[in-house]
C-alpha atoms as a PDB file:
ATOM      1  CA  UNK A   1    -165.663  60.585 -17.611  1.00  0.00           C
ATOM      2  CA  UNK A   2    -167.064  64.070 -18.213  1.00  0.00           C
ATOM      3  CA  UNK A   3    -169.984  64.664 -20.550  1.00  0.00           C
ATOM      4  CA  UNK A   4    -172.526  67.302 -21.403  1.00  0.00           C
ATOM      5  CA  UNK A   5    -176.190  66.895 -20.587  1.00  0.00           C
ATOM      6  CA  UNK A   6    -178.010  64.646 -23.034  1.00  0.00           C
ATOM      7  CA  UNK A   7    -181.364  63.253 -24.158  1.00  0.00           C
ATOM      8  CA  UNK A   8    -182.351  59.586 -23.935  1.00  0.00           C
ATOM      9  CA  UNK A   9    -184.590  59.245 -26.972  1.00  0.00           C
ATOM     10  CA  UNK A  10    -187.718  57.113 -27.381  1.00  0.00           C
ATOM     11  CA  UNK A  11    -186.842  53.417 -27.575  1.00  0.00           C
ATOM     12  CA  UNK A  12    -183.264  54.036 -26.412  1.00  0.00           C
ATOM     13  CA  UNK A  13    -181.464  52.822 -23.267  1.00  0.00           C
ATOM     14  CA  UNK A  14    -178.371  54.629 -21.995  1.00  0.00           C
ATOM     15  CA  UNK A  15    -176.156  52.932 -19.385  1.00  0.00           C
ATOM     16  CA  UNK A  16    -173.905  54.847 -17.013  1.00  0.00           C
ATOM     17  CA  UNK A  17    -171.295  53.228 -14.787  1.00  0.00           C
ATOM     18  CA  UNK A  18    -168.034  54.190 -13.153  1.00  0.00           C
ATOM     19  CA  UNK A  19    -167.142  57.788 -12.393  1.00  0.00           C
ATOM     20  CA  UNK A  20    -169.332  60.265 -14.280  1.00  0.00           C
ATOM     21  CA  UNK A  21    -169.277  64.077 -14.271  1.00  0.00           C
ATOM     22  CA  UNK A  22    -172.335  65.447 -16.054  1.00  0.00           C
ATOM     23  CA  UNK A  23    -172.601  69.123 -16.971  1.00  0.00           C
ATOM     24  CA  UNK A  24    -176.217  69.880 -17.872  1.00  0.00           C
ATOM     25  CA  UNK A  25    -179.654  68.303 -17.766  1.00  0.00           C
ATOM     26  CA  UNK A  26    -180.656  64.773 -18.760  1.00  0.00           C
ATOM     27  CA  UNK A  27    -184.002  64.395 -20.546  1.00  0.00           C
ATOM     28  CA  UNK A  28    -185.634  60.948 -20.668  1.00  0.00           C
ATOM     29  CA  UNK A  29    -188.312  60.710 -23.350  1.00  0.00           C
ATOM     30  CA  UNK A  30    -191.348  58.431 -23.579  1.00  0.00           C
ATOM     31  CA  UNK A  31    -190.311  54.790 -23.867  1.00  0.00           C
ATOM     32  CA  UNK A  32    -186.656  55.517 -23.021  1.00  0.00           C
ATOM     33  CA  UNK A  33    -184.564  54.185 -20.121  1.00  0.00           C
ATOM     34  CA  UNK A  34    -181.702  55.726 -18.159  1.00  0.00           C
ATOM     35  CA  UNK A  35    -179.897  52.888 -16.342  1.00  0.00           C
ATOM     36  CA  UNK A  36    -177.095  53.708 -13.876  1.00  0.00           C
ATOM     37  CA  UNK A  37    -175.257  50.898 -12.114  1.00  0.00           C
ATOM     38  CA  UNK A  38    -172.190  51.024  -9.857  1.00  0.00           C
ATOM     39  CA  UNK A  39    -171.742  54.656 -10.815  1.00  0.00           C
ATOM     40  CA  UNK A  40    -170.285  57.626  -8.947  1.00  0.00           C
ATOM     41  CA  UNK A  41    -172.127  60.579 -10.439  1.00  0.00           C
ATOM     42  CA  UNK A  42    -171.427  64.271  -9.942  1.00  0.00           C
ATOM     43  CA  UNK A  43    -174.173  66.319 -11.572  1.00  0.00           C
ATOM     44  CA  UNK A  44    -174.445  69.962 -12.513  1.00  0.00           C
ATOM     45  CA  UNK A  45    -178.049  69.846 -13.672  1.00  0.00           C
ATOM     46  CA  UNK A  46    -181.210  67.796 -13.253  1.00  0.00           C
ATOM     47  CA  UNK A  47    -182.997  64.747 -14.670  1.00  0.00           C
ATOM     48  CA  UNK A  48    -186.349  65.337 -16.356  1.00  0.00           C
ATOM     49  CA  UNK A  49    -188.441  62.285 -17.163  1.00  0.00           C
ATOM     50  CA  UNK A  50    -191.189  62.768 -19.732  1.00  0.00           C
ATOM     51  CA  UNK A  51    -192.476  59.254 -20.190  1.00  0.00           C
ATOM     52  CA  UNK A  52    -189.548  56.891 -19.592  1.00  0.00           C
ATOM     53  CA  UNK A  53    -187.825  54.985 -16.784  1.00  0.00           C
ATOM     54  CA  UNK A  54    -184.905  55.822 -14.489  1.00  0.00           C
ATOM     55  CA  UNK A  55    -183.007  53.145 -12.573  1.00  0.00           C
ATOM     56  CA  UNK A  56    -180.103  53.662 -10.145  1.00  0.00           C
ATOM     57  CA  UNK A  57    -178.405  50.653  -8.555  1.00  0.00           C
ATOM     58  CA  UNK A  58    -175.344  50.786  -6.282  1.00  0.00           C
ATOM     59  CA  UNK A  59    -174.741  54.446  -7.112  1.00  0.00           C
ATOM     60  CA  UNK A  60    -173.452  57.521  -5.315  1.00  0.00           C
ATOM     61  CA  UNK A  61    -174.940  60.754  -6.641  1.00  0.00           C
ATOM     62  CA  UNK A  62    -173.772  64.210  -5.629  1.00  0.00           C
ATOM     63  CA  UNK A  63    -175.655  67.273  -6.876  1.00  0.00           C
ATOM     64  CA  UNK A  64    -173.197  70.126  -7.439  1.00  0.00           C
ATOM     65  CA  UNK A  65    -175.767  72.462  -8.999  1.00  0.00           C
ATOM     66  CA  UNK A  66    -179.397  71.971  -9.997  1.00  0.00           C
ATOM     67  CA  UNK A  67    -181.350  73.740 -12.724  1.00  0.00           C
ATOM     68  CA  UNK A  68    -184.741  72.644 -11.299  1.00  0.00           C
ATOM     69  CA  UNK A  69    -186.466  72.551  -7.918  1.00  0.00           C
ATOM     70  CA  UNK A  70    -185.919  68.772  -7.849  1.00  0.00           C
ATOM     71  CA  UNK A  71    -183.002  66.648  -9.021  1.00  0.00           C
ATOM     72  CA  UNK A  72    -185.408  64.138 -10.642  1.00  0.00           C
ATOM     73  CA  UNK A  73    -188.755  65.364 -11.992  1.00  0.00           C
ATOM     74  CA  UNK A  74    -191.152  62.875 -13.591  1.00  0.00           C
ATOM     75  CA  UNK A  75    -194.198  64.523 -15.152  1.00  0.00           C
ATOM     76  CA  UNK A  76    -195.143  61.466 -17.196  1.00  0.00           C
ATOM     77  CA  UNK A  77    -193.649  58.002 -17.283  1.00  0.00           C
ATOM     78  CA  UNK A  78    -193.565  54.575 -15.809  1.00  0.00           C
ATOM     79  CA  UNK A  79    -191.064  54.232 -12.952  1.00  0.00           C
ATOM     80  CA  UNK A  80    -188.177  55.522 -10.890  1.00  0.00           C
ATOM     81  CA  UNK A  81    -186.100  52.975  -8.977  1.00  0.00           C
ATOM     82  CA  UNK A  82    -183.225  53.547  -6.547  1.00  0.00           C
ATOM     83  CA  UNK A  83    -181.541  50.504  -5.001  1.00  0.00           C
ATOM     84  CA  UNK A  84    -178.504  50.664  -2.694  1.00  0.00           C
ATOM     85  CA  UNK A  85    -177.985  54.271  -3.759  1.00  0.00           C
ATOM     86  CA  UNK A  86    -176.977  57.472  -1.971  1.00  0.00           C
ATOM     87  CA  UNK A  87    -178.399  60.741  -3.322  1.00  0.00           C
ATOM     88  CA  UNK A  88    -177.014  63.903  -1.737  1.00  0.00           C
ATOM     89  CA  UNK A  89    -178.753  67.109  -2.856  1.00  0.00           C
ATOM     90  CA  UNK A  90    -176.301  69.273  -0.869  1.00  0.00           C
ATOM     91  CA  UNK A  91    -179.102  71.646   0.198  1.00  0.00           C
ATOM     92  CA  UNK A  92    -179.566  72.824  -3.392  1.00  0.00           C
ATOM     93  CA  UNK A  93    -182.870  71.165  -4.339  1.00  0.00           C
ATOM     94  CA  UNK A  94    -185.237  68.310  -3.574  1.00  0.00           C
ATOM     95  CA  UNK A  95    -184.470  64.736  -4.619  1.00  0.00           C
ATOM     96  CA  UNK A  96    -187.603  63.485  -6.424  1.00  0.00           C
ATOM     97  CA  UNK A  97    -190.849  65.010  -7.664  1.00  0.00           C
ATOM     98  CA  UNK A  98    -193.102  62.477  -9.362  1.00  0.00           C
ATOM     99  CA  UNK A  99    -196.579  63.069 -10.814  1.00  0.00           C
ATOM    100  CA  UNK A 100    -197.096  59.734 -12.588  1.00  0.00           C
ATOM    101  CA  UNK A 101    -196.057  56.094 -12.368  1.00  0.00           C
ATOM    102  CA  UNK A 102    -194.358  54.154  -9.583  1.00  0.00           C
ATOM    103  CA  UNK A 103    -191.420  54.808  -7.258  1.00  0.00           C
ATOM    104  CA  UNK A 104    -189.268  52.197  -5.501  1.00  0.00           C
ATOM    105  CA  UNK A 105    -186.528  53.257  -3.077  1.00  0.00           C
ATOM    106  CA  UNK A 106    -184.749  50.345  -1.380  1.00  0.00           C
ATOM    107  CA  UNK A 107    -181.619  50.093   0.790  1.00  0.00           C
ATOM    108  CA  UNK A 108    -180.818  53.710  -0.015  1.00  0.00           C
ATOM    109  CA  UNK A 109    -180.207  57.100   1.571  1.00  0.00           C
ATOM    110  CA  UNK A 110    -181.591  60.436   0.340  1.00  0.00           C
ATOM    111  CA  UNK A 111    -180.374  63.531   2.102  1.00  0.00           C
ATOM    112  CA  UNK A 112    -179.895  67.302   2.366  1.00  0.00           C
ATOM    113  CA  UNK A 113    -182.758  68.907   0.475  1.00  0.00           C
ATOM    114  CA  UNK A 114    -183.720  72.588   0.500  1.00  0.00           C
ATOM    115  CA  UNK A 115    -186.450  74.894  -0.898  1.00  0.00           C
ATOM    116  CA  UNK A 116    -188.848  71.949  -1.399  1.00  0.00           C
ATOM    117  CA  UNK A 117    -189.489  68.591   0.333  1.00  0.00           C
ATOM    118  CA  UNK A 118    -186.913  65.842  -0.162  1.00  0.00           C
ATOM    119  CA  UNK A 119    -189.493  63.627  -1.951  1.00  0.00           C
ATOM    120  CA  UNK A 120    -192.879  64.754  -3.299  1.00  0.00           C
ATOM    121  CA  UNK A 121    -194.934  61.904  -4.730  1.00  0.00           C
ATOM    122  CA  UNK A 122    -198.291  62.127  -6.525  1.00  0.00           C
ATOM    123  CA  UNK A 123    -198.071  59.042  -8.739  1.00  0.00           C
ATOM    124  CA  UNK A 124    -199.859  55.730  -8.435  1.00  0.00           C
ATOM    125  CA  UNK A 125    -197.655  53.632  -6.107  1.00  0.00           C
ATOM    126  CA  UNK A 126    -194.547  54.274  -4.012  1.00  0.00           C
ATOM    127  CA  UNK A 127    -192.534  51.892  -1.856  1.00  0.00           C
ATOM    128  CA  UNK A 128    -189.719  52.725   0.569  1.00  0.00           C
ATOM    129  CA  UNK A 129    -187.793  49.842   2.152  1.00  0.00           C
ATOM    130  CA  UNK A 130    -184.747  49.912   4.444  1.00  0.00           C
ATOM    131  CA  UNK A 131    -184.124  53.524   3.513  1.00  0.00           C
ATOM    132  CA  UNK A 132    -183.120  56.719   5.273  1.00  0.00           C
ATOM    133  CA  UNK A 133    -184.500  60.166   4.439  1.00  0.00           C
ATOM    134  CA  UNK A 134    -182.457  62.838   6.176  1.00  0.00           C
ATOM    135  CA  UNK A 135    -182.047  66.586   6.604  1.00  0.00           C
ATOM    136  CA  UNK A 136    -184.900  68.115   4.649  1.00  0.00           C
ATOM    137  CA  UNK A 137    -185.215  71.846   5.235  1.00  0.00           C
ATOM    138  CA  UNK A 138    -188.776  71.792   3.846  1.00  0.00           C
ATOM    139  CA  UNK A 139    -189.754  68.327   5.046  1.00  0.00           C
ATOM    140  CA  UNK A 140    -188.824  64.786   4.022  1.00  0.00           C
ATOM    141  CA  UNK A 141    -191.770  63.035   2.355  1.00  0.00           C
ATOM    142  CA  UNK A 142    -194.964  64.510   0.907  1.00  0.00           C
ATOM    143  CA  UNK A 143    -197.579  62.495  -0.927  1.00  0.00           C
ATOM    144  CA  UNK A 144    -200.920  63.257  -2.495  1.00  0.00           C
ATOM    145  CA  UNK A 145    -203.960  61.349  -3.711  1.00  0.00           C
ATOM    146  CA  UNK A 146    -204.208  59.043  -5.565  1.00  0.00           C
ATOM    147  CA  UNK A 147    -200.861  57.759  -4.284  1.00  0.00           C
ATOM    148  CA  UNK A 148    -200.694  54.419  -2.517  1.00  0.00           C
ATOM    149  CA  UNK A 149    -197.611  54.262  -0.323  1.00  0.00           C
ATOM    150  CA  UNK A 150    -195.853  51.447   1.552  1.00  0.00           C
ATOM    151  CA  UNK A 151    -193.076  52.388   4.003  1.00  0.00           C
ATOM    152  CA  UNK A 152    -191.154  49.602   5.746  1.00  0.00           C
ATOM    153  CA  UNK A 153    -188.139  49.741   8.041  1.00  0.00           C
ATOM    154  CA  UNK A 154    -187.217  53.348   7.240  1.00  0.00           C
ATOM    155  CA  UNK A 155    -185.636  56.220   9.153  1.00  0.00           C
ATOM    156  CA  UNK A 156    -186.772  59.848   8.930  1.00  0.00           C
ATOM    157  CA  UNK A 157    -184.252  62.211  10.482  1.00  0.00           C
ATOM    158  CA  UNK A 158    -184.276  66.017  10.804  1.00  0.00           C
ATOM    159  CA  UNK A 159    -187.214  67.009   8.661  1.00  0.00           C
ATOM    160  CA  UNK A 160    -187.983  70.695   9.232  1.00  0.00           C
ATOM    161  CA  UNK A 161    -191.457  71.962   8.394  1.00  0.00           C
ATOM    162  CA  UNK A 162    -194.362  73.631  10.181  1.00  0.00           C
ATOM    163  CA  UNK A 163    -196.503  70.519   9.625  1.00  0.00           C
ATOM    164  CA  UNK A 164    -195.404  67.027   8.688  1.00  0.00           C
ATOM    165  CA  UNK A 165    -191.650  67.419   8.767  1.00  0.00           C
ATOM    166  CA  UNK A 166    -191.164  63.660   8.403  1.00  0.00           C
ATOM    167  CA  UNK A 167    -194.290  62.581   6.482  1.00  0.00           C
ATOM    168  CA  UNK A 168    -197.053  64.859   5.262  1.00  0.00           C
ATOM    169  CA  UNK A 169    -200.381  63.841   3.768  1.00  0.00           C
ATOM    170  CA  UNK A 170    -203.970  65.035   3.800  1.00  0.00           C
ATOM    171  CA  UNK A 171    -205.162  61.437   4.182  1.00  0.00           C
ATOM    172  CA  UNK A 172    -203.628  58.235   5.504  1.00  0.00           C
ATOM    173  CA  UNK A 173    -206.255  55.937   4.005  1.00  0.00           C
ATOM    174  CA  UNK A 174    -203.888  54.528   1.374  1.00  0.00           C
ATOM    175  CA  UNK A 175    -200.643  54.461   3.368  1.00  0.00           C
ATOM    176  CA  UNK A 176    -199.116  51.467   5.111  1.00  0.00           C
ATOM    177  CA  UNK A 177    -196.230  51.975   7.531  1.00  0.00           C
ATOM    178  CA  UNK A 178    -194.243  49.357   9.431  1.00  0.00           C
ATOM    179  CA  UNK A 179    -191.120  49.696  11.583  1.00  0.00           C
ATOM    180  CA  UNK A 180    -190.433  53.362  10.994  1.00  0.00           C
ATOM    181  CA  UNK A 181    -188.156  55.550  13.110  1.00  0.00           C
ATOM    182  CA  UNK A 182    -188.666  59.289  13.286  1.00  0.00           C
ATOM    183  CA  UNK A 183    -186.486  61.956  14.861  1.00  0.00           C
ATOM    184  CA  UNK A 184    -187.579  65.603  15.250  1.00  0.00           C
ATOM    185  CA  UNK A 185    -190.757  66.648  13.384  1.00  0.00           C
ATOM    186  CA  UNK A 186    -193.342  63.963  12.746  1.00  0.00           C
ATOM    187  CA  UNK A 187    -196.789  63.939  11.171  1.00  0.00           C
ATOM    188  CA  UNK A 188    -199.638  66.213  10.340  1.00  0.00           C
ATOM    189  CA  UNK A 189    -202.315  63.951  11.808  1.00  0.00           C
ATOM    190  CA  UNK A 190    -205.761  64.188  10.233  1.00  0.00           C
ATOM    191  CA  UNK A 191    -207.093  61.000  11.805  1.00  0.00           C
ATOM    192  CA  UNK A 192    -205.150  59.799  14.851  1.00  0.00           C
ATOM    193  CA  UNK A 193    -206.986  56.501  15.232  1.00  0.00           C
ATOM    194  CA  UNK A 194    -206.580  55.503  11.585  1.00  0.00           C
ATOM    195  CA  UNK A 195    -202.881  56.522  11.593  1.00  0.00           C
ATOM    196  CA  UNK A 196    -202.214  54.407  14.684  1.00  0.00           C
ATOM    197  CA  UNK A 197    -204.016  51.406  13.189  1.00  0.00           C
ATOM    198  CA  UNK A 198    -202.135  51.621   9.878  1.00  0.00           C
ATOM    199  CA  UNK A 199    -198.760  52.133  11.520  1.00  0.00           C
ATOM    200  CA  UNK A 200    -198.957  49.021  13.730  1.00  0.00           C
END
């Protein structure tokens, strides 16, 4: 099914499933929900979240062209959730930039970002479980205060950046990491002892 970009209005929920070709941006307003399940999505555009929720479950997403620096940008809102989902940015953009709310990425794979980090998180709480972040030309994961981040059983592969190609942060005081695997660039370490203690 091919459709133009669209707006999910306040109080509305739009469901996507099956094969979807979307030409244009998707805007998710305050109190709205974009719910994608068992969908194969080819996107020529980006998703902008201005106060709502975005949920992908058992999806394959391929970015053919992107109108923004990131495929998903949340400037205000409640949550982004990706479960058992593959998001391929095809070296056109980053995957997720989030300023507010929570982020859950579980049993998923995010890959091939360019120009900006694969994921840039500055919301309240983020959790990555059983997930791979791969091939980020400007790094894989960046987070800022006041973010609290939990990373468990994840792989970081081929993150290219002068500092923090895999994970970059100015502080590790609110980050918990368990069973992570890193190949190529690793961390910008501001406190080696605290990082080692938190990563155990």
